Amino acid sequence: VLFRSEIGRLIKIINPGTLFHVDAVQGYGKDTIYPKQMKVDLLSASAHKIHGPKGIGFLYVGEKIKLLPILYGGGQQGGMRSGTENTPAVAGFALAAQRIYATCKEDRERLLRCKKRLCEGIETIGNVKINNPLGEEGAPHIVSASFPGLRSEVLLHALEEKEIYVSAGSACAAHKNTPSGTLTAIGLPREYADSTIRFSMSVFTTEEEIDETISALKEIVPELRKYTRR
């Protein structure tokens, strides 16, 4: 929290007129967020990331921020977004938020243990690279790993056959053939970027599932590497 608060403070010192927007879609529900304390002007989150209904989100707007609507009409939502409100989805988001934050601290600690367990298990395979921070600095529920010599899509489908579902990139970049801009920005060579998959956990993930994933990787990765062209 201190590190994130420092970002907002520095932004306001360097350029007080800068508006600080935080995309909290991944972080919301994984840790406590204090927009005012963190000098955040705008913050957005989405319900489906905390097991709420799809198609609903919220935008936090600081008290001193004035926004102009992009949709006009009946004046719903304080005149900011006209149109019939999706009341059931709003209620579902509220309930999901209430439930996720009731056990947020305990869930975060358990997710960090699962993350550590998964990272350590992956590293025993050999010739792999964990791309995320191993401690509490990074997201507690995401592990990014590169398996040089294997195409990420091949490994993804091999795991899928064992009913283990991972991703080879963000949903919004699923149809692009170029390496991830994020992986490139952190200095990953093309071979590593092309062999990276992401494991995402949730509050429902168990340590038994982590162990099953590690066992599957230990079986699949060496087998697939036998057929890798040198």
C-alpha atoms as a PDB file:
ATOM      1  CA  VAL A   1       0.000   0.000   0.000  1.00  0.00           C
ATOM      2  CA  LEU A   2       2.845   2.391   0.820  1.00  0.00           C
ATOM      3  CA  PHE A   3       4.439   1.870  -2.609  1.00  0.00           C
ATOM      4  CA  ARG A   4       1.157   2.500  -4.421  1.00  0.00           C
ATOM      5  CA  SER A   5       0.431   5.559  -2.306  1.00  0.00           C
ATOM      6  CA  GLU A   6       3.860   6.871  -3.211  1.00  0.00           C
ATOM      7  CA  ILE A   7       3.017   6.736  -6.931  1.00  0.00           C
ATOM      8  CA  GLY A   8       0.040   9.040  -6.506  1.00  0.00           C
ATOM      9  CA  ARG A   9       1.958  11.390  -4.236  1.00  0.00           C
ATOM     10  CA  LEU A  10       4.828  11.718  -6.702  1.00  0.00           C
ATOM     11  CA  ILE A  11       2.444  12.362  -9.590  1.00  0.00           C
ATOM     12  CA  LYS A  12       0.844  15.231  -7.700  1.00  0.00           C
ATOM     13  CA  ILE A  13       4.228  16.704  -6.714  1.00  0.00           C
ATOM     14  CA  ILE A  14       5.706  16.551 -10.223  1.00  0.00           C
ATOM     15  CA  ASN A  15       2.579  17.778 -12.007  1.00  0.00           C
ATOM     16  CA  PRO A  16      -0.309  18.741  -9.714  1.00  0.00           C
ATOM     17  CA  GLY A  17      -2.678  19.062 -12.672  1.00  0.00           C
ATOM     18  CA  THR A  18      -2.300  15.441 -13.747  1.00  0.00           C
ATOM     19  CA  LEU A  19      -5.353  13.235 -13.328  1.00  0.00           C
ATOM     20  CA  PHE A  20      -4.397   9.867 -11.861  1.00  0.00           C
ATOM     21  CA  HIS A  21      -6.593   7.011 -13.118  1.00  0.00           C
ATOM     22  CA  VAL A  22      -6.103   3.496 -11.763  1.00  0.00           C
ATOM     23  CA  ASP A  23      -7.285   0.461 -13.706  1.00  0.00           C
ATOM     24  CA  ALA A  24      -8.113  -1.705 -10.706  1.00  0.00           C
ATOM     25  CA  VAL A  25      -9.889  -4.459 -12.628  1.00  0.00           C
ATOM     26  CA  GLN A  26      -7.267  -7.039 -11.605  1.00  0.00           C
ATOM     27  CA  GLY A  27      -6.470  -5.597  -8.178  1.00  0.00           C
ATOM     28  CA  TYR A  28      -9.953  -4.912  -6.843  1.00  0.00           C
ATOM     29  CA  GLY A  29     -10.885  -7.520  -4.261  1.00  0.00           C
ATOM     30  CA  LYS A  30      -7.298  -8.751  -3.912  1.00  0.00           C
ATOM     31  CA  ASP A  31      -6.215  -6.057  -1.457  1.00  0.00           C
ATOM     32  CA  THR A  32      -7.603  -2.990   0.260  1.00  0.00           C
ATOM     33  CA  ILE A  33      -7.743   0.176  -1.835  1.00  0.00           C
ATOM     34  CA  TYR A  34      -7.921   3.709  -0.422  1.00  0.00           C
ATOM     35  CA  PRO A  35      -8.369   6.140  -3.355  1.00  0.00           C
ATOM     36  CA  LYS A  36      -8.078   9.342  -1.321  1.00  0.00           C
ATOM     37  CA  GLN A  37      -5.037   8.142   0.610  1.00  0.00           C
ATOM     38  CA  MET A  38      -3.410   6.986  -2.629  1.00  0.00           C
ATOM     39  CA  LYS A  39      -4.114  10.311  -4.374  1.00  0.00           C
ATOM     40  CA  VAL A  40      -6.268   8.553  -6.958  1.00  0.00           C
ATOM     41  CA  ASP A  41      -8.626  10.734  -8.999  1.00  0.00           C
ATOM     42  CA  LEU A  42     -10.394   8.000 -10.958  1.00  0.00           C
ATOM     43  CA  LEU A  43     -10.554   4.249 -10.409  1.00  0.00           C
ATOM     44  CA  SER A  44     -12.358   1.573 -12.397  1.00  0.00           C
ATOM     45  CA  ALA A  45     -13.263  -2.006 -11.479  1.00  0.00           C
ATOM     46  CA  SER A  46     -15.298  -4.843 -12.964  1.00  0.00           C
ATOM     47  CA  ALA A  47     -17.619  -7.314 -11.237  1.00  0.00           C
ATOM     48  CA  HIS A  48     -16.640 -10.448 -13.128  1.00  0.00           C
ATOM     49  CA  LYS A  49     -13.131 -10.345 -11.641  1.00  0.00           C
ATOM     50  CA  ILE A  50     -14.570 -10.911  -8.166  1.00  0.00           C
ATOM     51  CA  HIS A  51     -17.102 -13.578  -9.212  1.00  0.00           C
ATOM     52  CA  GLY A  52     -19.892 -11.089  -9.757  1.00  0.00           C
ATOM     53  CA  PRO A  53     -22.067 -10.763 -12.887  1.00  0.00           C
ATOM     54  CA  LYS A  54     -20.483  -9.951 -16.232  1.00  0.00           C
ATOM     55  CA  GLY A  55     -21.197  -6.639 -17.897  1.00  0.00           C
ATOM     56  CA  ILE A  56     -21.172  -4.387 -14.847  1.00  0.00           C
ATOM     57  CA  GLY A  57     -18.450  -2.216 -13.377  1.00  0.00           C
ATOM     58  CA  PHE A  58     -17.958   1.024 -11.530  1.00  0.00           C
ATOM     59  CA  LEU A  59     -15.961   4.205 -11.850  1.00  0.00           C
ATOM     60  CA  TYR A  60     -14.807   5.978  -8.714  1.00  0.00           C
ATOM     61  CA  VAL A  61     -14.667   9.721  -9.289  1.00  0.00           C
ATOM     62  CA  GLY A  62     -12.852  11.974  -6.826  1.00  0.00           C
ATOM     63  CA  GLU A  63     -14.794  14.811  -5.225  1.00  0.00           C
ATOM     64  CA  LYS A  64     -12.919  17.508  -7.135  1.00  0.00           C
ATOM     65  CA  ILE A  65     -13.147  15.805 -10.533  1.00  0.00           C
ATOM     66  CA  LYS A  66     -15.681  17.075 -13.039  1.00  0.00           C
ATOM     67  CA  LEU A  67     -16.511  14.786 -15.951  1.00  0.00           C
ATOM     68  CA  LEU A  68     -18.539  15.433 -19.083  1.00  0.00           C
ATOM     69  CA  PRO A  69     -20.982  12.703 -20.144  1.00  0.00           C
ATOM     70  CA  ILE A  70     -20.539  10.941 -23.465  1.00  0.00           C
ATOM     71  CA  LEU A  71     -24.153   9.715 -23.502  1.00  0.00           C
ATOM     72  CA  TYR A  72     -27.112  12.066 -23.115  1.00  0.00           C
ATOM     73  CA  GLY A  73     -30.765  11.295 -22.618  1.00  0.00           C
ATOM     74  CA  GLY A  74     -32.775  10.519 -19.525  1.00  0.00           C
ATOM     75  CA  GLY A  75     -30.152  11.687 -17.069  1.00  0.00           C
ATOM     76  CA  GLN A  76     -29.608   8.396 -15.261  1.00  0.00           C
ATOM     77  CA  GLN A  77     -26.538   7.832 -13.074  1.00  0.00           C
ATOM     78  CA  GLY A  78     -26.249  11.466 -12.091  1.00  0.00           C
ATOM     79  CA  GLY A  79     -26.487  12.541 -15.704  1.00  0.00           C
ATOM     80  CA  MET A  80     -23.198  10.823 -16.514  1.00  0.00           C
ATOM     81  CA  ARG A  81     -24.546   7.808 -18.413  1.00  0.00           C
ATOM     82  CA  SER A  82     -28.105   7.917 -19.624  1.00  0.00           C
ATOM     83  CA  GLY A  83     -29.970   4.680 -20.239  1.00  0.00           C
ATOM     84  CA  THR A  84     -31.847   2.072 -18.237  1.00  0.00           C
ATOM     85  CA  GLU A  85     -29.711   0.915 -15.321  1.00  0.00           C
ATOM     86  CA  ASN A  86     -28.958  -2.794 -14.983  1.00  0.00           C
ATOM     87  CA  THR A  87     -30.234  -3.004 -11.426  1.00  0.00           C
ATOM     88  CA  PRO A  88     -29.833  -6.801 -10.967  1.00  0.00           C
ATOM     89  CA  ALA A  89     -26.180  -6.592 -12.091  1.00  0.00           C
ATOM     90  CA  VAL A  90     -25.562  -3.619  -9.795  1.00  0.00           C
ATOM     91  CA  ALA A  91     -26.989  -5.575  -6.861  1.00  0.00           C
ATOM     92  CA  GLY A  92     -24.917  -8.616  -7.844  1.00  0.00           C
ATOM     93  CA  PHE A  93     -21.745  -6.519  -7.955  1.00  0.00           C
ATOM     94  CA  ALA A  94     -22.522  -5.068  -4.519  1.00  0.00           C
ATOM     95  CA  LEU A  95     -23.011  -8.537  -3.023  1.00  0.00           C
ATOM     96  CA  ALA A  96     -19.845  -9.865  -4.679  1.00  0.00           C
ATOM     97  CA  ALA A  97     -17.862  -6.918  -3.296  1.00  0.00           C
ATOM     98  CA  GLN A  98     -19.294  -7.445   0.166  1.00  0.00           C
ATOM     99  CA  ARG A  99     -18.349 -11.116   0.132  1.00  0.00           C
ATOM    100  CA  ILE A 100     -14.882 -10.699  -1.363  1.00  0.00           C
ATOM    101  CA  TYR A 101     -13.845  -8.039   1.125  1.00  0.00           C
ATOM    102  CA  ALA A 102     -15.252  -9.909   4.125  1.00  0.00           C
ATOM    103  CA  THR A 103     -12.324 -12.354   3.852  1.00  0.00           C
ATOM    104  CA  CYS A 104      -9.920 -10.294   1.736  1.00  0.00           C
ATOM    105  CA  LYS A 105      -6.935 -10.466   4.107  1.00  0.00           C
ATOM    106  CA  GLU A 106      -7.206 -14.208   4.682  1.00  0.00           C
ATOM    107  CA  ASP A 107      -7.757 -14.887   0.980  1.00  0.00           C
ATOM    108  CA  ARG A 108      -4.735 -12.793   0.005  1.00  0.00           C
ATOM    109  CA  GLU A 109      -2.486 -14.690   2.399  1.00  0.00           C
ATOM    110  CA  ARG A 110      -3.747 -18.030   1.095  1.00  0.00           C
ATOM    111  CA  LEU A 111      -3.326 -16.926  -2.536  1.00  0.00           C
ATOM    112  CA  LEU A 112       0.254 -15.875  -1.805  1.00  0.00           C
ATOM    113  CA  ARG A 113       0.932 -19.340  -0.394  1.00  0.00           C
ATOM    114  CA  CYS A 114      -0.576 -20.923  -3.509  1.00  0.00           C
ATOM    115  CA  LYS A 115       1.472 -18.591  -5.713  1.00  0.00           C
ATOM    116  CA  LYS A 116       4.690 -19.513  -3.881  1.00  0.00           C
ATOM    117  CA  ARG A 117       3.835 -23.219  -4.113  1.00  0.00           C
ATOM    118  CA  LEU A 118       3.155 -22.980  -7.849  1.00  0.00           C
ATOM    119  CA  CYS A 119       6.307 -20.977  -8.590  1.00  0.00           C
ATOM    120  CA  GLU A 120       8.503 -23.367  -6.642  1.00  0.00           C
ATOM    121  CA  GLY A 121       6.913 -26.353  -8.375  1.00  0.00           C
ATOM    122  CA  ILE A 122       7.394 -24.867 -11.843  1.00  0.00           C
ATOM    123  CA  GLU A 123      11.040 -24.090 -11.123  1.00  0.00           C
ATOM    124  CA  THR A 124      11.741 -27.787 -10.426  1.00  0.00           C
ATOM    125  CA  ILE A 125      10.959 -28.578 -14.077  1.00  0.00           C
ATOM    126  CA  GLY A 126      14.155 -26.920 -15.285  1.00  0.00           C
ATOM    127  CA  ASN A 127      14.821 -24.423 -18.075  1.00  0.00           C
ATOM    128  CA  VAL A 128      11.881 -22.232 -17.099  1.00  0.00           C
ATOM    129  CA  LYS A 129      11.596 -18.602 -16.088  1.00  0.00           C
ATOM    130  CA  ILE A 130       9.163 -17.081 -13.610  1.00  0.00           C
ATOM    131  CA  ASN A 131       8.427 -13.540 -14.799  1.00  0.00           C
ATOM    132  CA  ASN A 132       6.513 -12.186 -11.809  1.00  0.00           C
ATOM    133  CA  PRO A 133       7.838 -11.068  -8.407  1.00  0.00           C
ATOM    134  CA  LEU A 134       8.025 -14.033  -6.046  1.00  0.00           C
ATOM    135  CA  GLY A 135       7.144 -12.155  -2.866  1.00  0.00           C
ATOM    136  CA  GLU A 136       4.241  -9.958  -1.855  1.00  0.00           C
ATOM    137  CA  GLU A 137       5.204  -7.154  -4.257  1.00  0.00           C
ATOM    138  CA  GLY A 138       3.279  -8.613  -7.181  1.00  0.00           C
ATOM    139  CA  ALA A 139      -0.314  -9.714  -7.636  1.00  0.00           C
ATOM    140  CA  PRO A 140      -1.088 -12.608  -5.275  1.00  0.00           C
ATOM    141  CA  HIS A 141      -3.196 -14.497  -7.805  1.00  0.00           C
ATOM    142  CA  ILE A 142      -1.166 -14.450 -11.033  1.00  0.00           C
ATOM    143  CA  VAL A 143       1.895 -16.421 -12.105  1.00  0.00           C
ATOM    144  CA  SER A 144       3.595 -15.776 -15.441  1.00  0.00           C
ATOM    145  CA  ALA A 145       6.060 -18.424 -16.568  1.00  0.00           C
ATOM    146  CA  SER A 146       8.100 -18.989 -19.720  1.00  0.00           C
ATOM    147  CA  PHE A 147       8.971 -22.450 -21.029  1.00  0.00           C
ATOM    148  CA  PRO A 148      11.678 -21.895 -23.693  1.00  0.00           C
ATOM    149  CA  GLY A 149      11.433 -24.260 -26.614  1.00  0.00           C
ATOM    150  CA  LEU A 150       7.658 -24.622 -26.414  1.00  0.00           C
ATOM    151  CA  ARG A 151       4.994 -22.493 -28.046  1.00  0.00           C
ATOM    152  CA  SER A 152       2.624 -21.161 -25.424  1.00  0.00           C
ATOM    153  CA  GLU A 153      -0.431 -22.261 -27.448  1.00  0.00           C
ATOM    154  CA  VAL A 154       0.846 -25.850 -27.591  1.00  0.00           C
ATOM    155  CA  LEU A 155       1.343 -25.999 -23.833  1.00  0.00           C
ATOM    156  CA  LEU A 156      -1.999 -24.288 -23.267  1.00  0.00           C
ATOM    157  CA  HIS A 157      -3.884 -26.948 -25.238  1.00  0.00           C
ATOM    158  CA  ALA A 158      -1.947 -29.792 -23.622  1.00  0.00           C
ATOM    159  CA  LEU A 159      -3.002 -28.513 -20.203  1.00  0.00           C
ATOM    160  CA  GLU A 160      -6.529 -27.976 -21.461  1.00  0.00           C
ATOM    161  CA  GLU A 161      -6.777 -31.699 -22.205  1.00  0.00           C
ATOM    162  CA  LYS A 162      -6.213 -32.268 -18.503  1.00  0.00           C
ATOM    163  CA  GLU A 163      -8.907 -29.692 -17.654  1.00  0.00           C
ATOM    164  CA  ILE A 164      -6.324 -27.166 -16.504  1.00  0.00           C
ATOM    165  CA  TYR A 165      -7.097 -23.812 -18.093  1.00  0.00           C
ATOM    166  CA  VAL A 166      -4.446 -21.132 -18.486  1.00  0.00           C
ATOM    167  CA  SER A 167      -3.956 -18.218 -20.873  1.00  0.00           C
ATOM    168  CA  ALA A 168      -1.314 -17.363 -23.444  1.00  0.00           C
ATOM    169  CA  GLY A 169      -2.127 -13.650 -23.489  1.00  0.00           C
ATOM    170  CA  SER A 170      -4.776 -11.120 -22.581  1.00  0.00           C
ATOM    171  CA  ALA A 171      -8.251 -11.583 -24.047  1.00  0.00           C
ATOM    172  CA  CYS A 172      -7.989  -8.273 -25.901  1.00  0.00           C
ATOM    173  CA  ALA A 173      -4.818  -9.460 -27.689  1.00  0.00           C
ATOM    174  CA  ALA A 174      -5.895 -13.035 -28.395  1.00  0.00           C
ATOM    175  CA  HIS A 175      -5.839 -12.646 -32.183  1.00  0.00           C
ATOM    176  CA  LYS A 176      -2.471 -10.909 -32.450  1.00  0.00           C
ATOM    177  CA  ASN A 177       0.598 -12.840 -33.596  1.00  0.00           C
ATOM    178  CA  THR A 178       3.112 -10.386 -32.172  1.00  0.00           C
ATOM    179  CA  PRO A 179       4.746 -10.923 -28.750  1.00  0.00           C
ATOM    180  CA  SER A 180       3.137  -9.314 -25.730  1.00  0.00           C
ATOM    181  CA  GLY A 181       4.150  -5.673 -25.413  1.00  0.00           C
ATOM    182  CA  THR A 182       4.384  -6.118 -21.659  1.00  0.00           C
ATOM    183  CA  LEU A 183       6.720  -9.106 -21.895  1.00  0.00           C
ATOM    184  CA  THR A 184       8.837  -7.275 -24.436  1.00  0.00           C
ATOM    185  CA  ALA A 185       8.973  -4.205 -22.182  1.00  0.00           C
ATOM    186  CA  ILE A 186      10.361  -6.231 -19.256  1.00  0.00           C
ATOM    187  CA  GLY A 187      13.160  -7.467 -21.508  1.00  0.00           C
ATOM    188  CA  LEU A 188      12.059 -11.002 -22.363  1.00  0.00           C
ATOM    189  CA  PRO A 189      13.700 -12.360 -25.538  1.00  0.00           C
ATOM    190  CA  ARG A 190      11.312 -13.470 -28.298  1.00  0.00           C
ATOM    191  CA  GLU A 191      11.858 -17.152 -27.461  1.00  0.00           C
ATOM    192  CA  TYR A 192      10.715 -16.581 -23.894  1.00  0.00           C
ATOM    193  CA  ALA A 193       7.830 -14.280 -24.813  1.00  0.00           C
ATOM    194  CA  ASP A 194       6.500 -16.842 -27.295  1.00  0.00           C
ATOM    195  CA  SER A 195       6.566 -19.578 -24.643  1.00  0.00           C
ATOM    196  CA  THR A 196       4.890 -17.670 -21.809  1.00  0.00           C
ATOM    197  CA  ILE A 197       1.637 -18.722 -20.184  1.00  0.00           C
ATOM    198  CA  ARG A 198      -0.260 -17.154 -17.330  1.00  0.00           C
ATOM    199  CA  PHE A 199      -1.806 -19.038 -14.428  1.00  0.00           C
ATOM    200  CA  SER A 200      -4.650 -17.186 -12.727  1.00  0.00           C
ATOM    201  CA  MET A 201      -5.966 -18.206  -9.326  1.00  0.00           C
ATOM    202  CA  SER A 202      -9.062 -17.200  -7.399  1.00  0.00           C
ATOM    203  CA  VAL A 203     -10.379 -17.405  -3.868  1.00  0.00           C
ATOM    204  CA  PHE A 204     -11.722 -20.838  -4.817  1.00  0.00           C
ATOM    205  CA  THR A 205      -8.343 -22.235  -5.897  1.00  0.00           C
ATOM    206  CA  THR A 206      -7.042 -24.977  -3.624  1.00  0.00           C
ATOM    207  CA  GLU A 207      -3.536 -26.213  -2.867  1.00  0.00           C
ATOM    208  CA  GLU A 208      -4.605 -29.595  -4.233  1.00  0.00           C
ATOM    209  CA  GLU A 209      -5.320 -27.953  -7.592  1.00  0.00           C
ATOM    210  CA  ILE A 210      -1.905 -26.291  -7.497  1.00  0.00           C
ATOM    211  CA  ASP A 211      -0.265 -29.676  -6.927  1.00  0.00           C
ATOM    212  CA  GLU A 212      -2.268 -31.202  -9.794  1.00  0.00           C
ATOM    213  CA  THR A 213      -1.088 -28.395 -12.080  1.00  0.00           C
ATOM    214  CA  ILE A 214       2.550 -28.908 -11.098  1.00  0.00           C
ATOM    215  CA  SER A 215       2.276 -32.654 -11.684  1.00  0.00           C
ATOM    216  CA  ALA A 216       0.717 -32.055 -15.104  1.00  0.00           C
ATOM    217  CA  LEU A 217       3.473 -29.630 -16.083  1.00  0.00           C
ATOM    218  CA  LYS A 218       6.188 -32.063 -14.966  1.00  0.00           C
ATOM    219  CA  GLU A 219       4.647 -34.670 -17.237  1.00  0.00           C
ATOM    220  CA  ILE A 220       3.761 -32.467 -20.228  1.00  0.00           C
ATOM    221  CA  VAL A 221       6.749 -30.119 -20.567  1.00  0.00           C
ATOM    222  CA  PRO A 222       9.515 -32.766 -20.871  1.00  0.00           C
ATOM    223  CA  GLU A 223       7.334 -34.801 -23.244  1.00  0.00           C
ATOM    224  CA  LEU A 224       6.625 -31.851 -25.531  1.00  0.00           C
ATOM    225  CA  ARG A 225      10.280 -30.820 -25.523  1.00  0.00           C
ATOM    226  CA  LYS A 226      11.197 -34.183 -27.050  1.00  0.00           C
ATOM    227  CA  TYR A 227       9.522 -33.003 -30.242  1.00  0.00           C
ATOM    228  CA  THR A 228      10.960 -29.490 -30.261  1.00  0.00           C
ATOM    229  CA  ARG A 229      13.005 -28.651 -33.302  1.00  0.00           C
ATOM    230  CA  ARG A 230      16.593 -27.780 -32.444  1.00  0.00           C
END
